[in-house]
Amino acid sequence: MPEIEVEYRLTHNSEQGAINVSQQCSGKECKVKILQDSSYEHKDFVLGEWVHNPIQTEWSIPWVLKMGNCEIDDSETLAKADVETGATLMLIIDHEMVLRVQEEVATRARKEAEEARRRSEEAEKEAERRRQIEAEEEEDRQAMEKIDEIEATLFAELTRAEQKAATTLGYNRWGSLGEVWDNDEDSLNGCDDLDWAELNNAQRAAAKILGYNQRMWDSS
């Protein structure tokens, strides 16, 4: 069926124009063609969010197509509505509703963006927590290897720094041959009963020389 030329008018801003359409065009398709041809400032929103990608909203599309006093249904063809060449169609757009729905869409988009950002931040925090745990586990593994190696070494075979550290922690008497260390006896000054936080600076430095960190010391 050949196309016909119809005039249109937008009631929102009294804009007038003309389009060529098939008489087999439905009322909805005609609305889309008119809106596409018009200069209505929110047509991209109506077409994009409402027609081609329907939004989740309680409101229906705020537009009505009429010829005279007769409304043309969305599914009705122009031929059935007796629309012929030279006819004038009115596209009535509820502009206020369009603005309200735009705000609804913008608000939902902001909330979704905020939720996505919150989830991203939580995921990053969890990833950082896991990285920290893995780093601590690796640090503790290396510390345990060093502690086991040092504690398996006789006092006389320790380095001077290690001997001094062992003595500072009470595992040997100054000037002795290392019997406290070599016999796995308790610390002479009670350091092994103290938490890391209770050690003084010199004792903490000595513990580090022997391979300890706070976690390893407090768990030993």
N, C-alpha and C. Protein backbone atom coordinates (compact mmCIF):
# COMPACT_ATOMS: atom_id res chain seq x y z
N MET A 1 0.87 -1.20 0.00
CA MET A 1 0.00 0.00 0.00
C MET A 1 0.89 1.24 0.00
N PRO A 2 0.61 2.21 -0.91
CA PRO A 2 1.46 3.41 -0.99
C PRO A 2 1.36 4.25 0.27
N GLU A 3 2.39 5.05 0.45
CA GLU A 3 2.41 5.93 1.63
C GLU A 3 1.51 7.14 1.41
N ILE A 4 1.07 7.69 2.51
CA ILE A 4 0.27 8.91 2.46
C ILE A 4 1.01 9.99 3.25
N GLU A 5 0.75 11.22 2.94
CA GLU A 5 1.35 12.32 3.68
C GLU A 5 0.32 12.87 4.66
N VAL A 6 0.71 12.91 5.92
CA VAL A 6 -0.19 13.46 6.94
C VAL A 6 0.53 14.58 7.68
N GLU A 7 -0.22 15.52 8.11
CA GLU A 7 0.32 16.59 8.94
C GLU A 7 0.16 16.20 10.40
N TYR A 8 1.02 16.75 11.23
CA TYR A 8 0.89 16.47 12.66
C TYR A 8 1.09 17.75 13.45
N ARG A 9 0.60 17.68 14.66
CA ARG A 9 0.79 18.80 15.59
C ARG A 9 1.03 18.24 16.98
N LEU A 10 2.05 18.77 17.64
CA LEU A 10 2.32 18.41 19.03
C LEU A 10 1.63 19.42 19.93
N THR A 11 0.77 18.93 20.80
CA THR A 11 0.02 19.86 21.65
C THR A 11 0.90 20.49 22.72
N HIS A 12 2.03 19.82 23.04
CA HIS A 12 2.89 20.35 24.11
C HIS A 12 3.46 21.71 23.74
N ASN A 13 3.94 21.85 22.50
CA ASN A 13 4.58 23.11 22.10
C ASN A 13 4.03 23.67 20.79
N SER A 14 2.89 23.10 20.37
CA SER A 14 2.22 23.55 19.13
C SER A 14 3.09 23.38 17.88
N GLU A 15 4.10 22.53 17.95
CA GLU A 15 4.94 22.29 16.78
C GLU A 15 4.12 21.58 15.69
N GLN A 16 4.34 21.96 14.45
CA GLN A 16 3.64 21.35 13.32
C GLN A 16 4.65 20.79 12.33
N GLY A 17 4.24 19.76 11.61
CA GLY A 17 5.11 19.16 10.62
C GLY A 17 4.33 18.20 9.76
N ALA A 18 5.03 17.48 8.92
CA ALA A 18 4.39 16.51 8.04
C ALA A 18 5.30 15.31 7.87
N ILE A 19 4.70 14.12 7.75
CA ILE A 19 5.46 12.88 7.55
C ILE A 19 4.75 12.03 6.51
N ASN A 20 5.50 11.14 5.89
CA ASN A 20 4.93 10.16 4.98
C ASN A 20 4.87 8.81 5.69
N VAL A 21 3.70 8.20 5.72
CA VAL A 21 3.53 6.92 6.40
C VAL A 21 2.64 6.01 5.57
N SER A 22 2.79 4.72 5.82
CA SER A 22 1.89 3.75 5.20
C SER A 22 0.59 3.72 5.97
N GLN A 23 -0.50 3.46 5.25
CA GLN A 23 -1.78 3.35 5.95
C GLN A 23 -1.85 2.07 6.79
N GLN A 24 -0.91 1.15 6.56
CA GLN A 24 -0.85 -0.05 7.39
C GLN A 24 -0.04 0.19 8.67
N CYS A 25 0.47 1.39 8.80
CA CYS A 25 1.23 1.75 10.01
C CYS A 25 0.29 1.76 11.21
N SER A 26 0.73 1.22 12.31
CA SER A 26 -0.10 1.21 13.52
C SER A 26 -0.05 2.57 14.19
N GLY A 27 -0.96 2.76 15.11
CA GLY A 27 -0.98 4.01 15.84
C GLY A 27 0.32 4.26 16.59
N LYS A 28 0.86 3.20 17.18
CA LYS A 28 2.12 3.35 17.93
C LYS A 28 3.26 3.69 16.98
N GLU A 29 3.33 2.99 15.83
CA GLU A 29 4.39 3.27 14.87
C GLU A 29 4.28 4.70 14.35
N CYS A 30 3.07 5.19 14.19
CA CYS A 30 2.88 6.56 13.73
C CYS A 30 3.35 7.55 14.79
N LYS A 31 3.08 7.25 16.05
CA LYS A 31 3.54 8.11 17.14
C LYS A 31 5.06 8.23 17.10
N VAL A 32 5.72 7.06 16.91
CA VAL A 32 7.18 7.04 16.89
C VAL A 32 7.71 7.89 15.73
N LYS A 33 7.09 7.74 14.56
CA LYS A 33 7.53 8.51 13.39
C LYS A 33 7.36 10.01 13.61
N ILE A 34 6.23 10.38 14.20
CA ILE A 34 5.99 11.80 14.46
C ILE A 34 7.02 12.34 15.45
N LEU A 35 7.24 11.57 16.52
CA LEU A 35 8.18 12.03 17.55
C LEU A 35 9.60 12.13 16.98
N GLN A 36 9.97 11.16 16.16
CA GLN A 36 11.31 11.18 15.54
C GLN A 36 11.48 12.40 14.65
N ASP A 37 10.42 12.80 13.97
CA ASP A 37 10.48 13.92 13.04
C ASP A 37 10.44 15.26 13.77
N SER A 38 9.93 15.25 14.99
CA SER A 38 9.72 16.50 15.73
C SER A 38 11.01 16.99 16.37
N SER A 39 10.92 18.18 16.97
CA SER A 39 12.06 18.74 17.71
C SER A 39 11.80 18.69 19.22
N TYR A 40 10.87 17.83 19.65
CA TYR A 40 10.56 17.73 21.07
C TYR A 40 11.82 17.42 21.86
N GLU A 41 12.09 18.23 22.88
CA GLU A 41 13.39 18.17 23.56
C GLU A 41 13.65 16.86 24.31
N HIS A 42 12.59 16.13 24.64
CA HIS A 42 12.78 14.89 25.40
C HIS A 42 12.44 13.65 24.57
N LYS A 43 12.46 13.79 23.25
CA LYS A 43 12.06 12.65 22.42
C LYS A 43 13.02 11.47 22.55
N ASP A 44 14.31 11.74 22.72
CA ASP A 44 15.27 10.64 22.87
C ASP A 44 14.98 9.83 24.13
N PHE A 45 14.58 10.52 25.19
CA PHE A 45 14.25 9.82 26.43
C PHE A 45 12.99 8.98 26.23
N VAL A 46 11.95 9.58 25.65
CA VAL A 46 10.70 8.85 25.45
C VAL A 46 10.91 7.65 24.54
N LEU A 47 11.62 7.85 23.43
CA LEU A 47 11.85 6.76 22.50
C LEU A 47 12.81 5.72 23.05
N GLY A 48 13.89 6.19 23.67
CA GLY A 48 14.91 5.27 24.16
C GLY A 48 14.52 4.52 25.40
N GLU A 49 13.96 5.22 26.39
CA GLU A 49 13.65 4.60 27.67
C GLU A 49 12.25 4.00 27.72
N TRP A 50 11.34 4.57 26.96
CA TRP A 50 9.95 4.15 27.08
C TRP A 50 9.50 3.21 25.97
N VAL A 51 9.96 3.49 24.75
CA VAL A 51 9.48 2.72 23.61
C VAL A 51 10.39 1.53 23.30
N HIS A 52 11.66 1.80 23.05
CA HIS A 52 12.59 0.76 22.60
C HIS A 52 13.19 -0.03 23.76
N ASN A 53 13.25 0.55 24.93
CA ASN A 53 13.83 -0.12 26.10
C ASN A 53 12.97 0.22 27.31
N PRO A 54 11.78 -0.38 27.39
CA PRO A 54 10.80 0.04 28.41
C PRO A 54 11.37 0.08 29.81
N ILE A 55 11.14 1.16 30.50
CA ILE A 55 11.63 1.33 31.86
C ILE A 55 10.68 0.67 32.83
N GLN A 56 11.19 0.38 34.01
CA GLN A 56 10.35 -0.18 35.06
C GLN A 56 9.68 0.97 35.80
N THR A 57 8.46 1.23 35.44
CA THR A 57 7.74 2.34 36.06
C THR A 57 6.27 1.99 36.14
N GLU A 58 5.59 2.63 37.06
CA GLU A 58 4.16 2.39 37.22
C GLU A 58 3.34 3.16 36.20
N TRP A 59 3.98 4.06 35.46
CA TRP A 59 3.27 4.89 34.50
C TRP A 59 3.37 4.33 33.09
N SER A 60 2.27 4.45 32.32
CA SER A 60 2.30 4.07 30.92
C SER A 60 2.88 5.23 30.12
N ILE A 61 3.16 4.96 28.83
CA ILE A 61 3.74 6.02 27.99
C ILE A 61 2.75 7.18 27.92
N PRO A 62 3.20 8.39 28.26
CA PRO A 62 2.28 9.53 28.36
C PRO A 62 2.01 10.22 27.03
N TRP A 63 1.49 9.47 26.06
CA TRP A 63 1.19 10.09 24.78
C TRP A 63 -0.09 9.50 24.20
N VAL A 64 -0.82 10.33 23.46
CA VAL A 64 -2.08 9.93 22.82
C VAL A 64 -2.07 10.50 21.40
N LEU A 65 -2.50 9.68 20.43
CA LEU A 65 -2.60 10.11 19.04
C LEU A 65 -4.08 10.26 18.68
N LYS A 66 -4.42 11.42 18.14
CA LYS A 66 -5.81 11.68 17.79
C LYS A 66 -5.93 12.25 16.37
N MET A 67 -7.06 11.96 15.76
CA MET A 67 -7.45 12.66 14.55
C MET A 67 -8.81 13.27 14.85
N GLY A 68 -8.82 14.59 14.98
CA GLY A 68 -10.04 15.25 15.46
C GLY A 68 -10.27 14.87 16.91
N ASN A 69 -11.48 14.38 17.17
CA ASN A 69 -11.79 13.96 18.55
C ASN A 69 -11.62 12.46 18.74
N CYS A 70 -11.17 11.77 17.73
CA CYS A 70 -11.06 10.32 17.80
C CYS A 70 -9.63 9.89 18.12
N GLU A 71 -9.49 9.10 19.16
CA GLU A 71 -8.18 8.57 19.53
C GLU A 71 -7.85 7.36 18.69
N ILE A 72 -6.61 7.30 18.21
CA ILE A 72 -6.15 6.16 17.42
C ILE A 72 -5.38 5.23 18.35
N ASP A 73 -5.89 4.01 18.49
CA ASP A 73 -5.28 3.04 19.39
C ASP A 73 -3.90 2.63 18.88
N ASP A 74 -3.02 2.21 19.80
CA ASP A 74 -1.66 1.82 19.42
C ASP A 74 -1.65 0.70 18.39
N SER A 75 -2.57 -0.25 18.50
CA SER A 75 -2.57 -1.40 17.60
C SER A 75 -3.42 -1.17 16.35
N GLU A 76 -4.14 -0.08 16.31
CA GLU A 76 -5.03 0.21 15.19
C GLU A 76 -4.23 0.77 14.01
N THR A 77 -4.51 0.30 12.80
CA THR A 77 -3.83 0.84 11.63
C THR A 77 -4.45 2.17 11.23
N LEU A 78 -3.66 2.97 10.51
CA LEU A 78 -4.19 4.26 10.05
C LEU A 78 -5.33 4.06 9.07
N ALA A 79 -5.25 2.98 8.29
CA ALA A 79 -6.33 2.70 7.34
C ALA A 79 -7.64 2.44 8.08
N LYS A 80 -7.57 1.65 9.15
CA LYS A 80 -8.77 1.34 9.93
C LYS A 80 -9.32 2.60 10.60
N ALA A 81 -8.41 3.53 10.95
CA ALA A 81 -8.84 4.77 11.59
C ALA A 81 -9.26 5.82 10.55
N ASP A 82 -9.29 5.40 9.28
CA ASP A 82 -9.70 6.29 8.18
C ASP A 82 -8.79 7.51 8.03
N VAL A 83 -7.51 7.32 8.28
CA VAL A 83 -6.54 8.40 8.09
C VAL A 83 -6.11 8.40 6.63
N GLU A 84 -6.30 9.51 5.96
CA GLU A 84 -5.96 9.63 4.55
C GLU A 84 -4.99 10.79 4.32
N THR A 85 -4.51 10.89 3.09
CA THR A 85 -3.60 11.98 2.75
C THR A 85 -4.22 13.32 3.10
N GLY A 86 -3.40 14.16 3.72
CA GLY A 86 -3.86 15.49 4.10
C GLY A 86 -4.48 15.57 5.48
N ALA A 87 -4.66 14.40 6.13
CA ALA A 87 -5.24 14.40 7.47
C ALA A 87 -4.27 15.06 8.46
N THR A 88 -4.82 15.63 9.52
CA THR A 88 -3.99 16.23 10.57
C THR A 88 -4.13 15.39 11.84
N LEU A 89 -2.99 14.91 12.31
CA LEU A 89 -2.95 14.10 13.53
C LEU A 89 -2.38 14.93 14.67
N MET A 90 -2.93 14.74 15.84
CA MET A 90 -2.44 15.43 17.04
C MET A 90 -1.75 14.43 17.95
N LEU A 91 -0.54 14.73 18.33
CA LEU A 91 0.18 13.90 19.29
C LEU A 91 0.20 14.65 20.61
N ILE A 92 -0.52 14.10 21.57
CA ILE A 92 -0.65 14.73 22.88
C ILE A 92 0.35 14.07 23.82
N ILE A 93 1.28 14.85 24.33
CA ILE A 93 2.32 14.33 25.23
C ILE A 93 2.14 14.96 26.60
N ASP A 94 2.10 14.11 27.63
CA ASP A 94 2.03 14.61 29.01
C ASP A 94 3.45 15.00 29.43
N HIS A 95 3.80 16.23 29.17
CA HIS A 95 5.17 16.70 29.40
C HIS A 95 5.56 16.60 30.87
N GLU A 96 4.64 16.93 31.76
CA GLU A 96 4.95 16.87 33.20
C GLU A 96 5.25 15.44 33.64
N MET A 97 4.51 14.49 33.08
CA MET A 97 4.78 13.11 33.45
C MET A 97 6.14 12.66 32.91
N VAL A 98 6.48 13.11 31.71
CA VAL A 98 7.79 12.78 31.15
C VAL A 98 8.90 13.26 32.09
N LEU A 99 8.75 14.48 32.59
CA LEU A 99 9.75 15.02 33.51
C LEU A 99 9.81 14.22 34.80
N ARG A 100 8.65 13.82 35.31
CA ARG A 100 8.64 13.03 36.55
C ARG A 100 9.31 11.68 36.36
N VAL A 101 9.03 11.05 35.23
CA VAL A 101 9.63 9.74 34.97
C VAL A 101 11.13 9.88 34.72
N GLN A 102 11.52 10.96 34.07
CA GLN A 102 12.96 11.21 33.90
C GLN A 102 13.65 11.27 35.25
N GLU A 103 13.04 11.96 36.20
CA GLU A 103 13.62 12.06 37.53
C GLU A 103 13.65 10.69 38.21
N GLU A 104 12.59 9.90 37.99
CA GLU A 104 12.56 8.56 38.56
C GLU A 104 13.70 7.71 38.01
N VAL A 105 13.90 7.78 36.70
CA VAL A 105 14.97 7.02 36.07
C VAL A 105 16.33 7.49 36.57
N ALA A 106 16.50 8.81 36.67
CA ALA A 106 17.78 9.36 37.14
C ALA A 106 18.04 8.94 38.59
N THR A 107 16.99 8.97 39.42
CA THR A 107 17.14 8.57 40.82
C THR A 107 17.52 7.10 40.92
N ARG A 108 16.86 6.26 40.13
CA ARG A 108 17.18 4.84 40.15
C ARG A 108 18.61 4.60 39.68
N ALA A 109 19.01 5.34 38.65
CA ALA A 109 20.38 5.18 38.14
C ALA A 109 21.41 5.57 39.19
N ARG A 110 21.10 6.68 39.93
CA ARG A 110 22.03 7.10 41.00
C ARG A 110 22.12 6.03 42.09
N LYS A 111 20.98 5.48 42.46
CA LYS A 111 20.98 4.44 43.50
C LYS A 111 21.73 3.20 43.04
N GLU A 112 21.53 2.83 41.79
CA GLU A 112 22.24 1.66 41.26
C GLU A 112 23.74 1.92 41.21
N ALA A 113 24.11 3.15 40.84
CA ALA A 113 25.53 3.49 40.79
C ALA A 113 26.14 3.47 42.19
N GLU A 114 25.39 4.00 43.17
CA GLU A 114 25.87 4.00 44.55
C GLU A 114 26.00 2.58 45.08
N GLU A 115 25.03 1.72 44.74
CA GLU A 115 25.10 0.34 45.18
C GLU A 115 26.27 -0.39 44.53
N ALA A 116 26.47 -0.12 43.23
CA ALA A 116 27.60 -0.74 42.53
C ALA A 116 28.92 -0.27 43.12
N ARG A 117 28.99 1.03 43.46
CA ARG A 117 30.21 1.55 44.07
C ARG A 117 30.44 0.94 45.45
N ARG A 118 29.33 0.78 46.21
CA ARG A 118 29.46 0.17 47.55
C ARG A 118 29.95 -1.27 47.44
N ARG A 119 29.36 -2.02 46.49
CA ARG A 119 29.79 -3.42 46.31
C ARG A 119 31.25 -3.49 45.86
N SER A 120 31.64 -2.55 44.99
CA SER A 120 33.02 -2.52 44.52
C SER A 120 33.98 -2.23 45.67
N GLU A 121 33.60 -1.27 46.52
CA GLU A 121 34.45 -0.93 47.67
C GLU A 121 34.55 -2.10 48.64
N GLU A 122 33.42 -2.80 48.86
CA GLU A 122 33.44 -3.95 49.76
C GLU A 122 34.30 -5.07 49.18
N ALA A 123 34.18 -5.27 47.86
CA ALA A 123 34.99 -6.31 47.22
C ALA A 123 36.47 -5.97 47.31
N GLU A 124 36.81 -4.69 47.15
CA GLU A 124 38.21 -4.27 47.25
C GLU A 124 38.73 -4.43 48.67
N LYS A 125 37.87 -4.10 49.64
CA LYS A 125 38.27 -4.28 51.05
C LYS A 125 38.50 -5.75 51.35
N GLU A 126 37.61 -6.61 50.83
CA GLU A 126 37.76 -8.04 51.06
C GLU A 126 39.02 -8.56 50.38
N ALA A 127 39.28 -8.07 49.16
CA ALA A 127 40.49 -8.49 48.45
C ALA A 127 41.73 -8.03 49.20
N GLU A 128 41.69 -6.80 49.73
CA GLU A 128 42.82 -6.29 50.49
C GLU A 128 43.02 -7.09 51.77
N ARG A 129 41.89 -7.47 52.41
CA ARG A 129 41.98 -8.28 53.63
C ARG A 129 42.62 -9.64 53.33
N ARG A 130 42.23 -10.23 52.21
CA ARG A 130 42.79 -11.52 51.83
C ARG A 130 44.28 -11.40 51.49
N ARG A 131 44.63 -10.30 50.79
CA ARG A 131 46.05 -10.08 50.48
C ARG A 131 46.86 -9.91 51.75
N GLN A 132 46.28 -9.21 52.73
CA GLN A 132 46.97 -9.00 54.00
C GLN A 132 47.16 -10.33 54.74
N ILE A 133 46.11 -11.14 54.72
CA ILE A 133 46.20 -12.45 55.39
C ILE A 133 47.26 -13.31 54.73
N GLU A 134 47.25 -13.32 53.40
CA GLU A 134 48.24 -14.12 52.67
C GLU A 134 49.66 -13.62 52.95
N ALA A 135 49.81 -12.29 53.00
CA ALA A 135 51.14 -11.73 53.28
C ALA A 135 51.60 -12.10 54.68
N GLU A 136 50.67 -12.03 55.65
CA GLU A 136 51.01 -12.38 57.03
C GLU A 136 51.34 -13.87 57.15
N GLU A 137 50.58 -14.70 56.42
CA GLU A 137 50.85 -16.14 56.47
C GLU A 137 52.23 -16.45 55.90
N GLU A 138 52.57 -15.77 54.80
CA GLU A 138 53.88 -15.99 54.21
C GLU A 138 54.99 -15.47 55.13
N GLU A 139 54.74 -14.31 55.74
CA GLU A 139 55.71 -13.76 56.69
C GLU A 139 55.90 -14.70 57.87
N ASP A 140 54.80 -15.26 58.37
CA ASP A 140 54.89 -16.18 59.51
C ASP A 140 55.58 -17.48 59.11
N ARG A 141 55.34 -17.94 57.87
CA ARG A 141 56.00 -19.16 57.41
C ARG A 141 57.52 -18.97 57.37
N GLN A 142 57.93 -17.82 56.81
CA GLN A 142 59.36 -17.54 56.76
C GLN A 142 59.93 -17.35 58.16
N ALA A 143 59.16 -16.72 59.03
CA ALA A 143 59.62 -16.51 60.41
C ALA A 143 59.79 -17.84 61.12
N MET A 144 58.82 -18.75 60.92
CA MET A 144 58.91 -20.06 61.58
C MET A 144 60.12 -20.84 61.10
N GLU A 145 60.41 -20.74 59.79
CA GLU A 145 61.59 -21.43 59.27
C GLU A 145 62.85 -20.89 59.93
N LYS A 146 62.92 -19.57 60.08
CA LYS A 146 64.10 -18.98 60.70
C LYS A 146 64.18 -19.35 62.19
N ILE A 147 63.03 -19.31 62.87
CA ILE A 147 63.02 -19.65 64.30
C ILE A 147 63.46 -21.09 64.50
N ASP A 148 62.91 -22.01 63.68
CA ASP A 148 63.27 -23.43 63.81
C ASP A 148 64.76 -23.63 63.56
N GLU A 149 65.27 -22.92 62.56
CA GLU A 149 66.69 -23.06 62.23
C GLU A 149 67.58 -22.54 63.36
N ILE A 150 67.21 -21.37 63.92
CA ILE A 150 68.03 -20.79 64.99
C ILE A 150 67.94 -21.62 66.25
N GLU A 151 66.72 -22.07 66.58
CA GLU A 151 66.56 -22.83 67.84
C GLU A 151 67.21 -24.21 67.77
N ALA A 152 67.43 -24.70 66.54
CA ALA A 152 68.11 -26.00 66.40
C ALA A 152 69.63 -25.84 66.43
N THR A 153 70.10 -24.61 66.50
CA THR A 153 71.54 -24.33 66.49
C THR A 153 72.06 -24.20 67.91
N LEU A 154 73.19 -24.82 68.19
CA LEU A 154 73.80 -24.68 69.51
C LEU A 154 74.21 -23.23 69.74
N PHE A 155 74.21 -22.82 71.00
CA PHE A 155 74.50 -21.45 71.34
C PHE A 155 75.86 -21.02 70.78
N ALA A 156 76.82 -21.91 70.89
CA ALA A 156 78.18 -21.58 70.46
C ALA A 156 78.26 -21.36 68.95
N GLU A 157 77.26 -21.88 68.20
CA GLU A 157 77.29 -21.76 66.75
C GLU A 157 76.42 -20.61 66.23
N LEU A 158 75.76 -19.95 67.16
CA LEU A 158 74.98 -18.77 66.77
C LEU A 158 75.92 -17.62 66.43
N THR A 159 75.42 -16.69 65.64
CA THR A 159 76.22 -15.49 65.38
C THR A 159 76.29 -14.67 66.66
N ARG A 160 77.21 -13.74 66.69
CA ARG A 160 77.35 -12.89 67.89
C ARG A 160 76.05 -12.13 68.15
N ALA A 161 75.40 -11.66 67.07
CA ALA A 161 74.14 -10.92 67.24
C ALA A 161 73.07 -11.83 67.80
N GLU A 162 73.02 -13.08 67.34
CA GLU A 162 72.01 -14.02 67.83
C GLU A 162 72.29 -14.41 69.27
N GLN A 163 73.56 -14.58 69.63
CA GLN A 163 73.90 -14.89 71.01
C GLN A 163 73.50 -13.74 71.94
N LYS A 164 73.77 -12.52 71.49
CA LYS A 164 73.40 -11.36 72.30
C LYS A 164 71.89 -11.27 72.45
N ALA A 165 71.16 -11.55 71.37
CA ALA A 165 69.70 -11.50 71.42
C ALA A 165 69.16 -12.55 72.38
N ALA A 166 69.72 -13.78 72.31
CA ALA A 166 69.27 -14.85 73.20
C ALA A 166 69.54 -14.49 74.65
N THR A 167 70.69 -13.87 74.90
CA THR A 167 71.03 -13.46 76.26
C THR A 167 70.10 -12.36 76.76
N THR A 168 69.76 -11.40 75.87
CA THR A 168 68.85 -10.31 76.24
C THR A 168 67.49 -10.86 76.65
N LEU A 169 67.07 -11.93 75.99
CA LEU A 169 65.76 -12.53 76.29
C LEU A 169 65.83 -13.52 77.44
N GLY A 170 67.01 -13.68 78.06
CA GLY A 170 67.13 -14.51 79.25
C GLY A 170 67.38 -15.97 78.97
N TYR A 171 67.83 -16.29 77.75
CA TYR A 171 68.07 -17.69 77.44
C TYR A 171 69.53 -18.10 77.65
N ASN A 172 70.30 -17.21 78.33
CA ASN A 172 71.66 -17.57 78.70
C ASN A 172 72.21 -16.54 79.68
N ARG A 173 73.14 -16.96 80.52
CA ARG A 173 73.79 -16.04 81.44
C ARG A 173 74.97 -15.38 80.73
N TRP A 174 75.14 -14.13 81.02
CA TRP A 174 76.30 -13.47 80.45
C TRP A 174 77.56 -14.23 80.84
N GLY A 175 78.39 -14.55 79.86
CA GLY A 175 79.67 -15.19 80.12
C GLY A 175 79.59 -16.68 80.28
N SER A 176 78.35 -17.29 80.21
CA SER A 176 78.25 -18.75 80.37
C SER A 176 78.45 -19.42 79.01
N LEU A 177 78.37 -20.72 78.98
CA LEU A 177 78.61 -21.48 77.75
C LEU A 177 77.31 -21.80 76.99
N GLY A 178 76.20 -21.23 77.42
CA GLY A 178 74.96 -21.40 76.68
C GLY A 178 74.11 -22.55 77.13
N GLU A 179 74.25 -22.94 78.43
CA GLU A 179 73.49 -24.11 78.86
C GLU A 179 71.97 -23.90 78.86
N VAL A 180 71.55 -22.66 79.13
CA VAL A 180 70.11 -22.39 79.14
C VAL A 180 69.54 -22.57 77.74
N TRP A 181 70.18 -22.02 76.74
CA TRP A 181 69.73 -22.13 75.34
C TRP A 181 69.81 -23.58 74.87
N ASP A 182 70.94 -24.21 75.09
CA ASP A 182 71.15 -25.54 74.54
C ASP A 182 70.25 -26.58 75.19
N ASN A 183 69.83 -26.38 76.41
CA ASN A 183 68.99 -27.35 77.12
C ASN A 183 67.50 -27.00 77.06
N ASP A 184 67.16 -26.00 76.23
CA ASP A 184 65.75 -25.58 76.07
C ASP A 184 65.10 -25.26 77.41
N GLU A 185 65.88 -24.62 78.28
CA GLU A 185 65.33 -24.23 79.58
C GLU A 185 64.52 -22.95 79.45
N ASP A 186 63.68 -22.68 80.47
CA ASP A 186 62.88 -21.47 80.46
C ASP A 186 63.77 -20.24 80.55
N SER A 187 63.25 -19.15 80.03
CA SER A 187 63.97 -17.88 80.10
C SER A 187 64.26 -17.51 81.54
N LEU A 188 65.47 -17.05 81.78
CA LEU A 188 65.85 -16.70 83.15
C LEU A 188 65.18 -15.43 83.64
N ASN A 189 64.81 -14.54 82.70
CA ASN A 189 64.17 -13.28 83.13
C ASN A 189 62.67 -13.26 82.88
N GLY A 190 62.13 -14.43 82.54
CA GLY A 190 60.67 -14.53 82.41
C GLY A 190 60.11 -13.98 81.12
N CYS A 191 60.97 -13.70 80.13
CA CYS A 191 60.47 -13.13 78.88
C CYS A 191 59.48 -14.04 78.17
N ASP A 192 59.68 -15.35 78.29
CA ASP A 192 58.80 -16.28 77.57
C ASP A 192 57.39 -16.29 78.12
N ASP A 193 57.17 -15.66 79.26
CA ASP A 193 55.82 -15.56 79.83
C ASP A 193 55.16 -14.23 79.49
N LEU A 194 55.87 -13.37 78.79
CA LEU A 194 55.34 -12.04 78.47
C LEU A 194 54.77 -12.01 77.06
N ASP A 195 53.72 -11.21 76.87
CA ASP A 195 53.23 -10.94 75.53
C ASP A 195 54.14 -9.93 74.85
N TRP A 196 54.03 -9.86 73.55
CA TRP A 196 54.85 -8.93 72.78
C TRP A 196 54.72 -7.50 73.30
N ALA A 197 53.50 -7.12 73.62
CA ALA A 197 53.25 -5.75 74.08
C ALA A 197 53.92 -5.46 75.41
N GLU A 198 54.26 -6.53 76.16
CA GLU A 198 54.88 -6.35 77.47
C GLU A 198 56.41 -6.33 77.40
N LEU A 199 56.96 -6.67 76.25
CA LEU A 199 58.42 -6.63 76.11
C LEU A 199 58.88 -5.19 75.97
N ASN A 200 60.10 -4.93 76.44
CA ASN A 200 60.65 -3.58 76.22
C ASN A 200 61.28 -3.54 74.83
N ASN A 201 61.72 -2.37 74.43
CA ASN A 201 62.25 -2.19 73.08
C ASN A 201 63.44 -3.09 72.79
N ALA A 202 64.32 -3.25 73.77
CA ALA A 202 65.50 -4.09 73.57
C ALA A 202 65.10 -5.55 73.40
N GLN A 203 64.12 -5.99 74.17
CA GLN A 203 63.66 -7.38 74.08
C GLN A 203 62.96 -7.64 72.74
N ARG A 204 62.17 -6.67 72.26
CA ARG A 204 61.52 -6.83 70.96
C ARG A 204 62.56 -6.91 69.85
N ALA A 205 63.57 -6.05 69.93
CA ALA A 205 64.62 -6.06 68.91
C ALA A 205 65.35 -7.39 68.92
N ALA A 206 65.58 -7.93 70.12
CA ALA A 206 66.26 -9.22 70.24
C ALA A 206 65.40 -10.34 69.66
N ALA A 207 64.09 -10.28 69.94
CA ALA A 207 63.18 -11.31 69.42
C ALA A 207 63.16 -11.29 67.90
N LYS A 208 63.20 -10.12 67.30
CA LYS A 208 63.20 -10.02 65.84
C LYS A 208 64.47 -10.64 65.25
N ILE A 209 65.60 -10.45 65.93
CA ILE A 209 66.85 -11.04 65.46
C ILE A 209 66.74 -12.56 65.43
N LEU A 210 66.00 -13.12 66.39
CA LEU A 210 65.83 -14.57 66.47
C LEU A 210 64.68 -15.07 65.58
N GLY A 211 64.10 -14.17 64.78
CA GLY A 211 63.10 -14.59 63.80
C GLY A 211 61.66 -14.31 64.18
N TYR A 212 61.42 -13.79 65.36
CA TYR A 212 60.04 -13.59 65.82
C TYR A 212 59.44 -12.28 65.29
N ASN A 213 58.13 -12.33 65.05
CA ASN A 213 57.33 -11.12 64.93
C ASN A 213 56.27 -11.19 66.03
N GLN A 214 55.43 -10.22 66.10
CA GLN A 214 54.46 -10.17 67.21
C GLN A 214 53.55 -11.42 67.21
N ARG A 215 53.05 -11.79 66.01
CA ARG A 215 52.14 -12.93 65.97
C ARG A 215 52.82 -14.22 66.41
N MET A 216 54.03 -14.42 65.92
CA MET A 216 54.74 -15.65 66.26
C MET A 216 55.12 -15.69 67.74
N TRP A 217 55.50 -14.53 68.28
CA TRP A 217 55.86 -14.49 69.70
C TRP A 217 54.64 -14.77 70.57
N ASP A 218 53.54 -14.10 70.30
CA ASP A 218 52.36 -14.28 71.14
C ASP A 218 51.73 -15.65 71.02
N SER A 219 51.99 -16.35 69.90
CA SER A 219 51.42 -17.68 69.74
C SER A 219 52.37 -18.78 70.20
N SER A 220 53.59 -18.40 70.59
CA SER A 220 54.57 -19.43 70.99
C SER A 220 54.41 -19.80 72.45
